[in-house]
Amino acid sequence: MVVLLMNTRILLTIALSLSWGTFLARAADADAKATNASPTRVDPLKKYDKNGDGKLDDKEKAELQKDREAARKEYMAQLLKKYDKNGNGKLDEDELAARREDLRKEREAELAKRQNERKQKEEKAKEPKEPAKEEKK
């Protein structure tokens, strides 16, 4: 019983870590699209460094942690709303399996999208370029 409980906690921790990573990546991607920056990383200094000294002091770090915790709670509420089918406030094995399956499908869809974009880019590069038309004077 104890081993089963520990395995369940480990699986839940892994699933939540993966979900949290996906959430942060999507948030970073949304921020990047809004600012035309790199989608892989959002610089917390831009938002939280109020005094502009290039580093986060304790007060600024506390604000960052508070915002992260609020985002985590919101994300967990969304996960529970979507996947907690029995309404017990936790994600059980079958609910975690459904979440993992959705993550797998999302990754496959993103991969297919990237492959399609790459293929279109390659095909476009292979097309012969039209010579510039000379204007008659």
N, C-alpha and C. Protein backbone atom coordinates (compact mmCIF):
# COMPACT_ATOMS: atom_id res chain seq x y z
N MET A 1 0.83 -1.19 0.00
CA MET A 1 0.00 0.00 0.00
C MET A 1 0.87 1.26 0.00
N VAL A 2 1.91 1.26 0.83
CA VAL A 2 2.81 2.41 0.92
C VAL A 2 3.55 2.60 -0.40
N VAL A 3 4.00 1.49 -1.00
CA VAL A 3 4.71 1.57 -2.28
C VAL A 3 3.80 2.12 -3.36
N LEU A 4 2.55 1.67 -3.39
CA LEU A 4 1.59 2.16 -4.37
C LEU A 4 1.35 3.65 -4.19
N LEU A 5 1.23 4.10 -2.96
CA LEU A 5 1.04 5.51 -2.67
C LEU A 5 2.25 6.32 -3.11
N MET A 6 3.45 5.82 -2.84
CA MET A 6 4.67 6.52 -3.25
C MET A 6 4.77 6.59 -4.77
N ASN A 7 4.44 5.48 -5.45
CA ASN A 7 4.48 5.47 -6.92
C ASN A 7 3.46 6.46 -7.48
N THR A 8 2.29 6.52 -6.88
CA THR A 8 1.27 7.47 -7.32
C THR A 8 1.76 8.90 -7.15
N ARG A 9 2.40 9.18 -6.02
CA ARG A 9 2.94 10.53 -5.79
C ARG A 9 4.03 10.86 -6.80
N ILE A 10 4.88 9.90 -7.08
CA ILE A 10 5.95 10.13 -8.06
C ILE A 10 5.35 10.41 -9.43
N LEU A 11 4.39 9.60 -9.85
CA LEU A 11 3.75 9.82 -11.15
C LEU A 11 3.04 11.17 -11.19
N LEU A 12 2.36 11.51 -10.12
CA LEU A 12 1.67 12.79 -10.07
C LEU A 12 2.68 13.93 -10.16
N THR A 13 3.78 13.82 -9.45
CA THR A 13 4.82 14.85 -9.49
C THR A 13 5.38 14.99 -10.91
N ILE A 14 5.65 13.88 -11.56
CA ILE A 14 6.17 13.92 -12.93
C ILE A 14 5.15 14.56 -13.86
N ALA A 15 3.92 14.12 -13.75
CA ALA A 15 2.88 14.66 -14.63
C ALA A 15 2.69 16.16 -14.41
N LEU A 16 2.68 16.57 -13.17
CA LEU A 16 2.51 17.99 -12.88
C LEU A 16 3.72 18.79 -13.35
N SER A 17 4.90 18.23 -13.23
CA SER A 17 6.09 18.91 -13.71
C SER A 17 6.03 19.10 -15.21
N LEU A 18 5.62 18.04 -15.92
CA LEU A 18 5.49 18.15 -17.37
C LEU A 18 4.42 19.16 -17.74
N SER A 19 3.31 19.11 -17.02
CA SER A 19 2.22 20.05 -17.30
C SER A 19 2.64 21.47 -17.01
N TRP A 20 3.33 21.70 -15.90
CA TRP A 20 3.80 23.03 -15.54
C TRP A 20 4.79 23.54 -16.58
N GLY A 21 5.67 22.66 -17.05
CA GLY A 21 6.62 23.04 -18.10
C GLY A 21 5.91 23.44 -19.37
N THR A 22 4.88 22.69 -19.74
CA THR A 22 4.09 23.02 -20.92
C THR A 22 3.41 24.37 -20.74
N PHE A 23 2.86 24.59 -19.54
CA PHE A 23 2.20 25.86 -19.26
C PHE A 23 3.18 27.02 -19.39
N LEU A 24 4.35 26.89 -18.78
CA LEU A 24 5.35 27.96 -18.85
C LEU A 24 5.81 28.20 -20.27
N ALA A 25 5.99 27.12 -21.03
CA ALA A 25 6.42 27.27 -22.42
C ALA A 25 5.36 28.01 -23.23
N ARG A 26 4.09 27.67 -23.01
CA ARG A 26 3.02 28.36 -23.74
C ARG A 26 2.93 29.82 -23.32
N ALA A 27 3.09 30.08 -22.04
CA ALA A 27 3.07 31.47 -21.57
C ALA A 27 4.23 32.25 -22.17
N ALA A 28 5.40 31.63 -22.22
CA ALA A 28 6.56 32.29 -22.80
C ALA A 28 6.34 32.53 -24.29
N ASP A 29 5.72 31.55 -24.96
CA ASP A 29 5.44 31.70 -26.38
C ASP A 29 4.46 32.84 -26.62
N ALA A 30 3.43 32.95 -25.77
CA ALA A 30 2.47 34.04 -25.91
C ALA A 30 3.14 35.39 -25.67
N ASP A 31 3.98 35.47 -24.64
CA ASP A 31 4.72 36.71 -24.37
C ASP A 31 5.63 37.05 -25.54
N ALA A 32 6.29 36.03 -26.09
CA ALA A 32 7.22 36.26 -27.19
C ALA A 32 6.49 36.74 -28.43
N LYS A 33 5.32 36.17 -28.70
CA LYS A 33 4.56 36.61 -29.86
C LYS A 33 4.13 38.06 -29.69
N ALA A 34 3.80 38.42 -28.47
CA ALA A 34 3.37 39.80 -28.22
C ALA A 34 4.53 40.78 -28.37
N THR A 35 5.74 40.32 -28.06
CA THR A 35 6.90 41.22 -28.10
C THR A 35 7.86 40.90 -29.23
N ASN A 36 7.54 39.92 -30.07
CA ASN A 36 8.41 39.47 -31.16
C ASN A 36 9.76 39.02 -30.65
N ALA A 37 9.81 38.41 -29.47
CA ALA A 37 11.04 37.91 -28.88
C ALA A 37 11.12 36.40 -29.04
N SER A 38 12.17 35.82 -28.50
CA SER A 38 12.34 34.38 -28.55
C SER A 38 11.27 33.70 -27.70
N PRO A 39 10.58 32.67 -28.24
CA PRO A 39 9.51 32.03 -27.49
C PRO A 39 10.00 31.10 -26.40
N THR A 40 11.29 30.82 -26.35
CA THR A 40 11.78 29.84 -25.39
C THR A 40 12.07 30.42 -24.02
N ARG A 41 12.23 31.73 -23.91
CA ARG A 41 12.60 32.30 -22.61
C ARG A 41 12.05 33.71 -22.47
N VAL A 42 11.48 33.96 -21.31
CA VAL A 42 11.01 35.30 -20.98
C VAL A 42 11.88 35.80 -19.84
N ASP A 43 12.43 36.98 -19.97
CA ASP A 43 13.34 37.53 -18.98
C ASP A 43 12.54 38.12 -17.82
N PRO A 44 12.65 37.52 -16.62
CA PRO A 44 11.89 38.06 -15.48
C PRO A 44 12.38 39.44 -15.05
N LEU A 45 13.60 39.81 -15.42
CA LEU A 45 14.09 41.13 -15.04
C LEU A 45 13.24 42.24 -15.66
N LYS A 46 12.79 42.01 -16.88
CA LYS A 46 11.99 43.04 -17.56
C LYS A 46 10.72 43.38 -16.78
N LYS A 47 10.14 42.37 -16.16
CA LYS A 47 8.88 42.59 -15.46
C LYS A 47 9.07 42.91 -13.97
N TYR A 48 10.05 42.27 -13.32
CA TYR A 48 10.13 42.34 -11.87
C TYR A 48 11.23 43.24 -11.33
N ASP A 49 12.19 43.64 -12.13
CA ASP A 49 13.28 44.50 -11.65
C ASP A 49 12.79 45.94 -11.62
N LYS A 50 12.10 46.29 -10.55
CA LYS A 50 11.47 47.61 -10.43
C LYS A 50 12.49 48.74 -10.29
N ASN A 51 13.61 48.48 -9.61
CA ASN A 51 14.58 49.55 -9.40
C ASN A 51 15.62 49.62 -10.52
N GLY A 52 15.57 48.69 -11.48
CA GLY A 52 16.43 48.75 -12.65
C GLY A 52 17.90 48.49 -12.39
N ASP A 53 18.23 47.78 -11.31
CA ASP A 53 19.65 47.54 -11.01
C ASP A 53 20.20 46.29 -11.69
N GLY A 54 19.39 45.61 -12.47
CA GLY A 54 19.85 44.44 -13.21
C GLY A 54 19.80 43.14 -12.44
N LYS A 55 19.28 43.16 -11.23
CA LYS A 55 19.11 41.94 -10.45
C LYS A 55 17.87 42.07 -9.58
N LEU A 56 17.39 40.93 -9.13
CA LEU A 56 16.18 40.90 -8.32
C LEU A 56 16.54 40.90 -6.85
N ASP A 57 16.05 41.89 -6.11
CA ASP A 57 16.26 41.90 -4.67
C ASP A 57 15.19 41.02 -4.02
N ASP A 58 15.21 40.92 -2.71
CA ASP A 58 14.29 40.01 -2.02
C ASP A 58 12.83 40.36 -2.27
N LYS A 59 12.50 41.64 -2.29
CA LYS A 59 11.12 42.06 -2.51
C LYS A 59 10.67 41.70 -3.93
N GLU A 60 11.55 41.91 -4.90
CA GLU A 60 11.22 41.59 -6.29
C GLU A 60 11.10 40.08 -6.48
N LYS A 61 11.98 39.32 -5.82
CA LYS A 61 11.89 37.86 -5.89
C LYS A 61 10.59 37.36 -5.28
N ALA A 62 10.19 37.99 -4.17
CA ALA A 62 8.94 37.59 -3.52
C ALA A 62 7.75 37.83 -4.45
N GLU A 63 7.77 38.94 -5.17
CA GLU A 63 6.69 39.23 -6.12
C GLU A 63 6.68 38.21 -7.26
N LEU A 64 7.86 37.86 -7.75
CA LEU A 64 7.98 36.84 -8.79
C LEU A 64 7.42 35.51 -8.30
N GLN A 65 7.82 35.09 -7.10
CA GLN A 65 7.34 33.84 -6.53
C GLN A 65 5.82 33.87 -6.34
N LYS A 66 5.30 35.00 -5.88
CA LYS A 66 3.86 35.14 -5.68
C LYS A 66 3.11 34.97 -7.01
N ASP A 67 3.63 35.60 -8.05
CA ASP A 67 2.99 35.48 -9.37
C ASP A 67 3.10 34.05 -9.91
N ARG A 68 4.24 33.42 -9.71
CA ARG A 68 4.41 32.03 -10.16
C ARG A 68 3.45 31.10 -9.43
N GLU A 69 3.31 31.31 -8.12
CA GLU A 69 2.41 30.48 -7.34
C GLU A 69 0.96 30.68 -7.79
N ALA A 70 0.59 31.92 -8.07
CA ALA A 70 -0.76 32.19 -8.55
C ALA A 70 -0.99 31.53 -9.91
N ALA A 71 0.01 31.59 -10.78
CA ALA A 71 -0.10 30.96 -12.09
C ALA A 71 -0.19 29.44 -11.94
N ARG A 72 0.59 28.88 -11.02
CA ARG A 72 0.55 27.44 -10.79
C ARG A 72 -0.82 27.01 -10.29
N LYS A 73 -1.38 27.77 -9.34
CA LYS A 73 -2.70 27.44 -8.81
C LYS A 73 -3.77 27.52 -9.89
N GLU A 74 -3.68 28.54 -10.73
CA GLU A 74 -4.64 28.70 -11.83
C GLU A 74 -4.52 27.52 -12.80
N TYR A 75 -3.28 27.15 -13.10
CA TYR A 75 -3.06 26.04 -14.01
C TYR A 75 -3.59 24.74 -13.42
N MET A 76 -3.33 24.51 -12.14
CA MET A 76 -3.83 23.30 -11.49
C MET A 76 -5.35 23.28 -11.48
N ALA A 77 -5.96 24.43 -11.26
CA ALA A 77 -7.42 24.51 -11.29
C ALA A 77 -7.94 24.14 -12.68
N GLN A 78 -7.25 24.60 -13.71
CA GLN A 78 -7.65 24.26 -15.08
C GLN A 78 -7.49 22.76 -15.34
N LEU A 79 -6.37 22.20 -14.86
CA LEU A 79 -6.17 20.75 -15.03
C LEU A 79 -7.26 19.96 -14.32
N LEU A 80 -7.55 20.33 -13.08
CA LEU A 80 -8.58 19.62 -12.34
C LEU A 80 -9.94 19.76 -13.00
N LYS A 81 -10.24 20.95 -13.48
CA LYS A 81 -11.53 21.17 -14.15
C LYS A 81 -11.66 20.27 -15.38
N LYS A 82 -10.57 20.11 -16.10
CA LYS A 82 -10.62 19.34 -17.34
C LYS A 82 -10.51 17.83 -17.10
N TYR A 83 -9.66 17.41 -16.17
CA TYR A 83 -9.34 15.98 -16.06
C TYR A 83 -9.90 15.29 -14.82
N ASP A 84 -10.30 16.00 -13.79
CA ASP A 84 -10.79 15.36 -12.57
C ASP A 84 -12.24 14.93 -12.78
N LYS A 85 -12.40 13.77 -13.39
CA LYS A 85 -13.73 13.28 -13.75
C LYS A 85 -14.55 12.83 -12.55
N ASN A 86 -13.90 12.33 -11.50
CA ASN A 86 -14.65 11.86 -10.34
C ASN A 86 -14.85 12.94 -9.29
N GLY A 87 -14.28 14.11 -9.49
CA GLY A 87 -14.52 15.26 -8.62
C GLY A 87 -13.91 15.17 -7.24
N ASN A 88 -12.85 14.36 -7.06
CA ASN A 88 -12.25 14.22 -5.74
C ASN A 88 -11.16 15.25 -5.46
N GLY A 89 -10.90 16.15 -6.42
CA GLY A 89 -9.90 17.19 -6.21
C GLY A 89 -8.48 16.75 -6.46
N LYS A 90 -8.30 15.53 -6.97
CA LYS A 90 -6.98 14.98 -7.28
C LYS A 90 -7.04 14.34 -8.65
N LEU A 91 -5.88 14.18 -9.25
CA LEU A 91 -5.80 13.46 -10.52
C LEU A 91 -5.38 12.03 -10.23
N ASP A 92 -6.30 11.10 -10.46
CA ASP A 92 -6.02 9.69 -10.25
C ASP A 92 -5.27 9.13 -11.47
N GLU A 93 -4.91 7.86 -11.40
CA GLU A 93 -4.12 7.23 -12.46
C GLU A 93 -4.76 7.38 -13.84
N ASP A 94 -6.06 7.08 -13.93
CA ASP A 94 -6.71 7.16 -15.24
C ASP A 94 -6.81 8.61 -15.72
N GLU A 95 -6.96 9.53 -14.79
CA GLU A 95 -7.02 10.95 -15.16
C GLU A 95 -5.64 11.46 -15.60
N LEU A 96 -4.59 11.00 -14.91
CA LEU A 96 -3.23 11.33 -15.32
C LEU A 96 -2.91 10.73 -16.69
N ALA A 97 -3.40 9.53 -16.92
CA ALA A 97 -3.18 8.88 -18.22
C ALA A 97 -3.85 9.69 -19.33
N ALA A 98 -5.03 10.22 -19.07
CA ALA A 98 -5.71 11.05 -20.06
C ALA A 98 -4.91 12.32 -20.33
N ARG A 99 -4.35 12.91 -19.28
CA ARG A 99 -3.52 14.12 -19.44
C ARG A 99 -2.26 13.81 -20.26
N ARG A 100 -1.62 12.68 -19.94
CA ARG A 100 -0.42 12.30 -20.70
C ARG A 100 -0.76 12.06 -22.17
N GLU A 101 -1.89 11.45 -22.42
CA GLU A 101 -2.31 11.21 -23.81
C GLU A 101 -2.55 12.53 -24.54
N ASP A 102 -3.19 13.48 -23.87
CA ASP A 102 -3.40 14.79 -24.49
C ASP A 102 -2.07 15.49 -24.77
N LEU A 103 -1.13 15.39 -23.83
CA LEU A 103 0.20 15.98 -24.05
C LEU A 103 0.89 15.35 -25.25
N ARG A 104 0.78 14.02 -25.35
CA ARG A 104 1.39 13.31 -26.48
C ARG A 104 0.79 13.79 -27.79
N LYS A 105 -0.53 13.92 -27.83
CA LYS A 105 -1.20 14.38 -29.04
C LYS A 105 -0.78 15.82 -29.39
N GLU A 106 -0.66 16.67 -28.37
CA GLU A 106 -0.23 18.05 -28.61
C GLU A 106 1.18 18.09 -29.18
N ARG A 107 2.07 17.27 -28.62
CA ARG A 107 3.45 17.23 -29.13
C ARG A 107 3.48 16.72 -30.57
N GLU A 108 2.70 15.68 -30.86
CA GLU A 108 2.67 15.14 -32.21
C GLU A 108 2.11 16.17 -33.20
N ALA A 109 1.07 16.89 -32.79
CA ALA A 109 0.50 17.91 -33.66
C ALA A 109 1.51 19.04 -33.91
N GLU A 110 2.21 19.45 -32.88
CA GLU A 110 3.23 20.50 -33.03
C GLU A 110 4.36 20.03 -33.94
N LEU A 111 4.78 18.78 -33.77
CA LEU A 111 5.82 18.22 -34.61
C LEU A 111 5.37 18.17 -36.07
N ALA A 112 4.15 17.71 -36.29
CA ALA A 112 3.62 17.65 -37.66
C ALA A 112 3.54 19.04 -38.28
N LYS A 113 3.15 20.02 -37.48
CA LYS A 113 3.07 21.40 -37.97
C LYS A 113 4.46 21.90 -38.38
N ARG A 114 5.45 21.66 -37.52
CA ARG A 114 6.81 22.09 -37.83
C ARG A 114 7.35 21.39 -39.07
N GLN A 115 7.09 20.09 -39.18
CA GLN A 115 7.56 19.35 -40.35
C GLN A 115 6.90 19.88 -41.62
N ASN A 116 5.62 20.19 -41.53
CA ASN A 116 4.91 20.73 -42.69
C ASN A 116 5.48 22.09 -43.09
N GLU A 117 5.73 22.94 -42.09
CA GLU A 117 6.31 24.26 -42.38
C GLU A 117 7.70 24.12 -43.00
N ARG A 118 8.50 23.20 -42.48
CA ARG A 118 9.84 22.96 -43.02
C ARG A 118 9.75 22.47 -44.46
N LYS A 119 8.82 21.56 -44.72
CA LYS A 119 8.64 21.01 -46.06
C LYS A 119 8.24 22.11 -47.04
N GLN A 120 7.30 22.96 -46.61
CA GLN A 120 6.87 24.07 -47.48
C GLN A 120 8.02 25.04 -47.75
N LYS A 121 8.82 25.30 -46.73
CA LYS A 121 9.97 26.19 -46.89
C LYS A 121 10.98 25.60 -47.87
N GLU A 122 11.23 24.29 -47.76
CA GLU A 122 12.16 23.62 -48.67
C GLU A 122 11.64 23.64 -50.10
N GLU A 123 10.33 23.38 -50.27
CA GLU A 123 9.74 23.39 -51.61
C GLU A 123 9.81 24.78 -52.22
N LYS A 124 9.57 25.78 -51.40
CA LYS A 124 9.64 27.16 -51.88
C LYS A 124 11.07 27.52 -52.29
N ALA A 125 12.04 27.02 -51.54
CA ALA A 125 13.44 27.31 -51.86
C ALA A 125 13.86 26.62 -53.15
N LYS A 126 13.26 25.48 -53.47
CA LYS A 126 13.60 24.73 -54.68
C LYS A 126 12.99 25.34 -55.93
N GLU A 127 11.93 26.11 -55.78
CA GLU A 127 11.28 26.72 -56.94
C GLU A 127 12.25 27.66 -57.64
N PRO A 128 12.27 27.59 -58.98
CA PRO A 128 13.15 28.52 -59.69
C PRO A 128 12.63 29.95 -59.55
N LYS A 129 13.56 30.82 -59.33
CA LYS A 129 13.18 32.23 -59.19
C LYS A 129 13.02 32.84 -60.56
N GLU A 130 11.99 33.66 -60.69
CA GLU A 130 11.76 34.34 -61.96
C GLU A 130 12.78 35.43 -62.14
N PRO A 131 13.36 35.53 -63.36
CA PRO A 131 14.30 36.63 -63.57
C PRO A 131 13.56 37.95 -63.55
N ALA A 132 14.25 38.95 -63.11
CA ALA A 132 13.65 40.28 -63.03
C ALA A 132 13.32 40.76 -64.43
N LYS A 133 12.12 41.25 -64.61
CA LYS A 133 11.70 41.76 -65.92
C LYS A 133 12.31 43.13 -66.15
N GLU A 134 12.92 43.25 -67.30
CA GLU A 134 13.53 44.53 -67.63
C GLU A 134 12.48 45.44 -68.25
N GLU A 135 12.45 46.64 -67.78
CA GLU A 135 11.50 47.60 -68.32
C GLU A 135 12.09 48.21 -69.59
N LYS A 136 11.24 48.38 -70.58
CA LYS A 136 11.67 49.03 -71.83
C LYS A 136 11.50 50.50 -71.69
N LYS A 137 12.51 51.22 -72.13
CA LYS A 137 12.45 52.66 -72.06
C LYS A 137 12.20 53.26 -73.39
